[in-house]
């Protein structure tokens, strides 16, 4: 995997796509398993929310692929999604993940100059 990153076979765009795709897959699987396996549903939903936050942050801060307004919109939508999921699943943990991700420090939104 490191070799493919180093040689440019897996570009940053593909990494972001994989992050959002894996988050979507976790969300879908959690939604489908919901009525039968509550704990697994919550774990998959929490993983999806975390992947969405990390992928949005990486697209803006690390790879400089997303403009501010797109990254901010993604983060806001992820926060709203986590609160809606916490209501649906009656899970305060998901709400706490959403609030923690939604109240990131200002340093997450400022660009770090390259040295």
N, C-alpha and C. Protein backbone atom coordinates (compact mmCIF):
# COMPACT_ATOMS: atom_id res chain seq x y z
N UNK A 1 0.83 -1.19 0.00
CA UNK A 1 0.00 0.00 0.00
C UNK A 1 0.87 1.25 0.00
N UNK A 2 1.94 1.23 0.80
CA UNK A 2 2.82 2.39 0.83
C UNK A 2 3.50 2.60 -0.51
N UNK A 3 3.87 1.53 -1.17
CA UNK A 3 4.50 1.63 -2.48
C UNK A 3 3.56 2.29 -3.48
N UNK A 4 2.29 1.91 -3.43
CA UNK A 4 1.33 2.51 -4.37
C UNK A 4 1.11 4.00 -4.06
N UNK A 5 1.17 4.39 -2.78
CA UNK A 5 1.09 5.81 -2.45
C UNK A 5 2.33 6.55 -2.94
N UNK A 6 3.50 5.97 -2.70
CA UNK A 6 4.76 6.61 -3.08
C UNK A 6 4.89 6.77 -4.59
N UNK A 7 4.42 5.80 -5.33
CA UNK A 7 4.54 5.85 -6.79
C UNK A 7 3.40 6.60 -7.46
N UNK A 8 2.42 7.02 -6.68
CA UNK A 8 1.33 7.80 -7.24
C UNK A 8 0.23 6.99 -7.89
N UNK A 9 0.21 5.71 -7.65
CA UNK A 9 -0.84 4.87 -8.21
C UNK A 9 -2.19 5.15 -7.54
N UNK A 10 -2.14 5.44 -6.26
CA UNK A 10 -3.35 5.83 -5.53
C UNK A 10 -3.21 7.31 -5.22
N UNK A 11 -3.89 8.12 -6.00
CA UNK A 11 -3.79 9.57 -5.88
C UNK A 11 -4.62 10.07 -4.70
N UNK A 12 -4.41 11.31 -4.28
CA UNK A 12 -5.24 11.86 -3.21
C UNK A 12 -6.74 11.86 -3.53
N UNK A 13 -7.08 12.04 -4.79
CA UNK A 13 -8.50 12.00 -5.16
C UNK A 13 -9.08 10.61 -4.91
N UNK A 14 -8.31 9.58 -5.26
CA UNK A 14 -8.77 8.21 -5.00
C UNK A 14 -8.85 7.94 -3.50
N UNK A 15 -7.93 8.49 -2.73
CA UNK A 15 -7.98 8.31 -1.28
C UNK A 15 -9.24 8.92 -0.69
N UNK A 16 -9.58 10.14 -1.16
CA UNK A 16 -10.81 10.77 -0.68
C UNK A 16 -12.04 9.97 -1.11
N UNK A 17 -12.04 9.51 -2.34
CA UNK A 17 -13.15 8.68 -2.81
C UNK A 17 -13.30 7.41 -2.00
N UNK A 18 -12.16 6.79 -1.68
CA UNK A 18 -12.21 5.57 -0.86
C UNK A 18 -12.71 5.88 0.54
N UNK A 19 -12.33 7.02 1.10
CA UNK A 19 -12.80 7.39 2.44
C UNK A 19 -14.30 7.62 2.47
N UNK A 20 -14.80 8.39 1.50
CA UNK A 20 -16.24 8.63 1.45
C UNK A 20 -17.00 7.36 1.09
N UNK A 21 -16.42 6.54 0.22
CA UNK A 21 -17.07 5.27 -0.14
C UNK A 21 -17.15 4.31 1.03
N UNK A 22 -16.05 4.20 1.79
CA UNK A 22 -16.06 3.32 2.97
C UNK A 22 -17.04 3.85 4.02
N UNK A 23 -17.09 5.15 4.19
CA UNK A 23 -18.06 5.73 5.13
C UNK A 23 -19.49 5.44 4.70
N UNK A 24 -19.76 5.59 3.40
CA UNK A 24 -21.09 5.28 2.89
C UNK A 24 -21.45 3.81 3.06
N UNK A 25 -20.46 2.94 2.84
CA UNK A 25 -20.69 1.50 3.01
C UNK A 25 -20.99 1.18 4.48
N UNK A 26 -20.22 1.76 5.40
CA UNK A 26 -20.48 1.55 6.83
C UNK A 26 -21.88 2.04 7.20
N UNK A 27 -22.25 3.19 6.67
CA UNK A 27 -23.56 3.75 6.97
C UNK A 27 -24.67 2.85 6.44
N UNK A 28 -24.51 2.37 5.21
CA UNK A 28 -25.51 1.48 4.62
C UNK A 28 -25.64 0.18 5.40
N UNK A 29 -24.49 -0.43 5.74
CA UNK A 29 -24.52 -1.68 6.49
C UNK A 29 -25.15 -1.50 7.87
N UNK A 30 -24.82 -0.40 8.51
CA UNK A 30 -25.42 -0.12 9.82
C UNK A 30 -26.92 0.06 9.71
N UNK A 31 -27.36 0.72 8.65
CA UNK A 31 -28.79 0.95 8.44
C UNK A 31 -29.52 -0.38 8.21
N UNK A 32 -28.90 -1.27 7.43
CA UNK A 32 -29.54 -2.55 7.12
C UNK A 32 -29.57 -3.49 8.33
N UNK A 33 -28.53 -3.45 9.15
CA UNK A 33 -28.46 -4.36 10.29
C UNK A 33 -29.18 -3.82 11.52
N UNK A 34 -29.69 -2.61 11.43
CA UNK A 34 -30.25 -1.91 12.57
C UNK A 34 -31.22 -2.69 13.44
N UNK A 35 -32.30 -3.23 12.89
CA UNK A 35 -33.28 -3.87 13.76
C UNK A 35 -32.77 -5.14 14.46
N UNK A 36 -31.81 -5.82 13.87
CA UNK A 36 -31.40 -7.09 14.46
C UNK A 36 -30.17 -6.99 15.36
N UNK A 37 -29.26 -6.10 15.04
CA UNK A 37 -28.00 -6.00 15.81
C UNK A 37 -27.73 -4.54 16.16
N UNK A 38 -28.25 -4.12 17.28
CA UNK A 38 -28.19 -2.71 17.66
C UNK A 38 -26.77 -2.22 17.91
N UNK A 39 -25.96 -2.99 18.59
CA UNK A 39 -24.59 -2.56 18.92
C UNK A 39 -23.74 -2.45 17.64
N UNK A 40 -23.91 -3.39 16.73
CA UNK A 40 -23.17 -3.33 15.48
C UNK A 40 -23.61 -2.14 14.64
N UNK A 41 -24.90 -1.85 14.67
CA UNK A 41 -25.42 -0.68 13.96
C UNK A 41 -24.77 0.60 14.48
N UNK A 42 -24.67 0.73 15.78
CA UNK A 42 -24.07 1.92 16.37
C UNK A 42 -22.58 2.01 16.05
N UNK A 43 -21.89 0.88 16.09
CA UNK A 43 -20.46 0.89 15.78
C UNK A 43 -20.21 1.27 14.32
N UNK A 44 -20.98 0.71 13.42
CA UNK A 44 -20.82 1.05 12.00
C UNK A 44 -21.19 2.51 11.73
N UNK A 45 -22.24 2.99 12.37
CA UNK A 45 -22.63 4.38 12.18
C UNK A 45 -21.57 5.33 12.74
N UNK A 46 -21.01 5.01 13.89
CA UNK A 46 -19.94 5.83 14.46
C UNK A 46 -18.70 5.81 13.58
N UNK A 47 -18.38 4.66 13.02
CA UNK A 47 -17.25 4.57 12.10
C UNK A 47 -17.48 5.38 10.83
N UNK A 48 -18.70 5.37 10.33
CA UNK A 48 -19.03 6.16 9.14
C UNK A 48 -18.88 7.65 9.42
N UNK A 49 -19.38 8.09 10.57
CA UNK A 49 -19.27 9.51 10.92
C UNK A 49 -17.81 9.90 11.05
N UNK A 50 -17.02 9.07 11.71
CA UNK A 50 -15.59 9.37 11.87
C UNK A 50 -14.89 9.41 10.50
N UNK A 51 -15.21 8.49 9.61
CA UNK A 51 -14.60 8.50 8.28
C UNK A 51 -15.00 9.75 7.49
N UNK A 52 -16.25 10.16 7.60
CA UNK A 52 -16.67 11.37 6.90
C UNK A 52 -15.91 12.59 7.42
N UNK A 53 -15.77 12.71 8.74
CA UNK A 53 -15.03 13.83 9.31
C UNK A 53 -13.57 13.80 8.86
N UNK A 54 -12.93 12.65 8.97
CA UNK A 54 -11.51 12.56 8.62
C UNK A 54 -11.27 12.79 7.14
N UNK A 55 -12.15 12.29 6.30
CA UNK A 55 -11.98 12.47 4.87
C UNK A 55 -12.19 13.92 4.47
N UNK A 56 -13.18 14.58 5.04
CA UNK A 56 -13.39 16.00 4.76
C UNK A 56 -12.22 16.85 5.22
N UNK A 57 -11.70 16.53 6.40
CA UNK A 57 -10.54 17.26 6.91
C UNK A 57 -9.32 17.04 6.02
N UNK A 58 -9.10 15.79 5.60
CA UNK A 58 -7.95 15.50 4.75
C UNK A 58 -8.07 16.19 3.39
N UNK A 59 -9.27 16.23 2.85
CA UNK A 59 -9.46 16.88 1.55
C UNK A 59 -9.18 18.37 1.61
N UNK A 60 -9.49 18.99 2.73
CA UNK A 60 -9.25 20.43 2.87
C UNK A 60 -7.84 20.74 3.34
N UNK A 61 -7.43 20.12 4.42
CA UNK A 61 -6.19 20.50 5.08
C UNK A 61 -4.96 19.79 4.52
N UNK A 62 -5.03 18.50 4.31
CA UNK A 62 -3.85 17.75 3.90
C UNK A 62 -3.59 17.80 2.40
N UNK A 63 -4.64 17.59 1.61
CA UNK A 63 -4.46 17.49 0.17
C UNK A 63 -4.80 18.77 -0.58
N UNK A 64 -5.46 19.70 0.07
CA UNK A 64 -5.83 20.98 -0.55
C UNK A 64 -6.67 20.77 -1.81
N UNK A 65 -7.56 19.79 -1.76
CA UNK A 65 -8.42 19.49 -2.90
C UNK A 65 -9.80 20.11 -2.78
N UNK A 66 -10.25 20.36 -1.57
CA UNK A 66 -11.58 20.91 -1.35
C UNK A 66 -11.47 22.37 -0.92
N UNK A 67 -12.26 23.25 -1.54
CA UNK A 67 -12.28 24.63 -1.04
C UNK A 67 -12.96 24.68 0.33
N UNK A 68 -12.78 25.79 1.00
CA UNK A 68 -13.29 25.92 2.36
C UNK A 68 -14.79 25.68 2.43
N UNK A 69 -15.55 26.28 1.54
CA UNK A 69 -17.00 26.18 1.63
C UNK A 69 -17.49 24.75 1.42
N UNK A 70 -16.80 23.97 0.58
CA UNK A 70 -17.20 22.57 0.38
C UNK A 70 -16.88 21.75 1.62
N UNK A 71 -15.67 21.94 2.16
CA UNK A 71 -15.28 21.20 3.37
C UNK A 71 -16.18 21.55 4.54
N UNK A 72 -16.49 22.84 4.68
CA UNK A 72 -17.36 23.26 5.78
C UNK A 72 -18.76 22.69 5.62
N UNK A 73 -19.26 22.66 4.40
CA UNK A 73 -20.58 22.08 4.14
C UNK A 73 -20.59 20.58 4.44
N UNK A 74 -19.52 19.88 4.06
CA UNK A 74 -19.43 18.44 4.36
C UNK A 74 -19.40 18.19 5.87
N UNK A 75 -18.64 18.99 6.58
CA UNK A 75 -18.55 18.82 8.03
C UNK A 75 -19.89 19.13 8.70
N UNK A 76 -20.57 20.16 8.22
CA UNK A 76 -21.88 20.50 8.78
C UNK A 76 -22.89 19.39 8.50
N UNK A 77 -22.89 18.88 7.28
CA UNK A 77 -23.80 17.78 6.93
C UNK A 77 -23.50 16.54 7.75
N UNK A 78 -22.22 16.28 8.02
CA UNK A 78 -21.85 15.12 8.84
C UNK A 78 -22.33 15.30 10.27
N UNK A 79 -22.23 16.51 10.79
CA UNK A 79 -22.72 16.77 12.14
C UNK A 79 -24.23 16.55 12.23
N UNK A 80 -24.95 17.08 11.25
CA UNK A 80 -26.41 16.89 11.22
C UNK A 80 -26.75 15.41 11.08
N UNK A 81 -26.03 14.71 10.21
CA UNK A 81 -26.26 13.28 10.03
C UNK A 81 -26.04 12.51 11.33
N UNK A 82 -25.00 12.84 12.06
CA UNK A 82 -24.74 12.12 13.31
C UNK A 82 -25.82 12.38 14.35
N UNK A 83 -26.34 13.58 14.38
CA UNK A 83 -27.42 13.88 15.34
C UNK A 83 -28.70 13.15 14.93
N UNK A 84 -29.00 13.12 13.63
CA UNK A 84 -30.18 12.38 13.17
C UNK A 84 -30.04 10.88 13.45
N UNK A 85 -28.86 10.34 13.22
CA UNK A 85 -28.64 8.92 13.50
C UNK A 85 -28.75 8.62 14.99
N UNK A 86 -28.26 9.53 15.81
CA UNK A 86 -28.36 9.30 17.26
C UNK A 86 -29.81 9.31 17.72
N UNK A 87 -30.64 10.14 17.09
CA UNK A 87 -32.06 10.14 17.42
C UNK A 87 -32.72 8.85 16.96
N UNK A 88 -32.41 8.41 15.75
CA UNK A 88 -33.01 7.20 15.20
C UNK A 88 -32.62 5.97 16.01
N UNK A 89 -31.35 5.91 16.43
CA UNK A 89 -30.84 4.73 17.13
C UNK A 89 -30.92 4.86 18.64
N UNK A 90 -31.39 6.00 19.12
CA UNK A 90 -31.45 6.27 20.56
C UNK A 90 -30.07 6.04 21.19
N UNK A 91 -29.07 6.70 20.60
CA UNK A 91 -27.69 6.50 21.01
C UNK A 91 -27.04 7.85 21.31
N UNK A 92 -26.89 8.20 22.58
CA UNK A 92 -26.23 9.47 22.91
C UNK A 92 -24.76 9.51 22.50
N UNK A 93 -24.14 8.34 22.35
CA UNK A 93 -22.73 8.31 21.95
C UNK A 93 -22.56 8.91 20.55
N UNK A 94 -23.46 8.59 19.62
CA UNK A 94 -23.38 9.16 18.28
C UNK A 94 -23.57 10.67 18.32
N UNK A 95 -24.44 11.14 19.18
CA UNK A 95 -24.62 12.59 19.32
C UNK A 95 -23.34 13.24 19.85
N UNK A 96 -22.67 12.57 20.78
CA UNK A 96 -21.42 13.12 21.31
C UNK A 96 -20.33 13.13 20.25
N UNK A 97 -20.28 12.10 19.40
CA UNK A 97 -19.32 12.09 18.30
C UNK A 97 -19.60 13.25 17.35
N UNK A 98 -20.87 13.47 17.06
CA UNK A 98 -21.24 14.58 16.17
C UNK A 98 -20.92 15.93 16.74
N UNK A 99 -21.19 16.12 18.01
CA UNK A 99 -20.88 17.41 18.65
C UNK A 99 -19.37 17.61 18.74
N UNK A 100 -18.64 16.55 19.06
CA UNK A 100 -17.17 16.67 19.13
C UNK A 100 -16.59 17.00 17.76
N UNK A 101 -17.08 16.35 16.73
CA UNK A 101 -16.60 16.64 15.39
C UNK A 101 -17.06 18.01 14.89
N UNK A 102 -18.25 18.40 15.28
CA UNK A 102 -18.79 19.69 14.85
C UNK A 102 -18.18 20.88 15.55
N UNK A 103 -17.58 20.67 16.70
CA UNK A 103 -16.98 21.78 17.46
C UNK A 103 -15.46 21.70 17.43
N UNK A 104 -14.94 21.43 16.25
CA UNK A 104 -13.48 21.39 16.09
C UNK A 104 -12.88 22.75 16.38
N UNK A 105 -11.64 22.76 16.80
CA UNK A 105 -11.00 24.06 17.04
C UNK A 105 -10.76 24.81 15.73
N UNK A 106 -10.58 26.09 15.85
CA UNK A 106 -10.36 26.95 14.70
C UNK A 106 -9.11 26.53 13.92
N UNK A 107 -8.16 25.93 14.59
CA UNK A 107 -6.93 25.52 13.92
C UNK A 107 -7.16 24.49 12.83
N UNK A 108 -8.29 23.77 12.88
CA UNK A 108 -8.59 22.81 11.82
C UNK A 108 -8.95 23.52 10.52
N UNK A 109 -9.36 24.78 10.60
CA UNK A 109 -9.82 25.49 9.42
C UNK A 109 -8.80 26.48 8.87
N UNK A 110 -7.66 26.61 9.51
CA UNK A 110 -6.63 27.50 8.99
C UNK A 110 -5.59 26.68 8.26
N UNK A 111 -5.12 27.20 7.18
CA UNK A 111 -4.11 26.50 6.40
C UNK A 111 -2.76 26.61 7.08
N UNK A 112 -2.05 25.52 7.09
CA UNK A 112 -0.70 25.50 7.66
C UNK A 112 0.29 25.77 6.54
N UNK A 113 1.11 26.81 6.67
CA UNK A 113 2.06 27.08 5.59
C UNK A 113 3.11 25.98 5.51
N UNK A 114 3.49 25.67 4.28
CA UNK A 114 4.51 24.64 4.09
C UNK A 114 5.88 25.19 4.40
N UNK A 115 6.72 24.36 4.94
CA UNK A 115 8.07 24.80 5.32
C UNK A 115 9.07 24.42 4.28
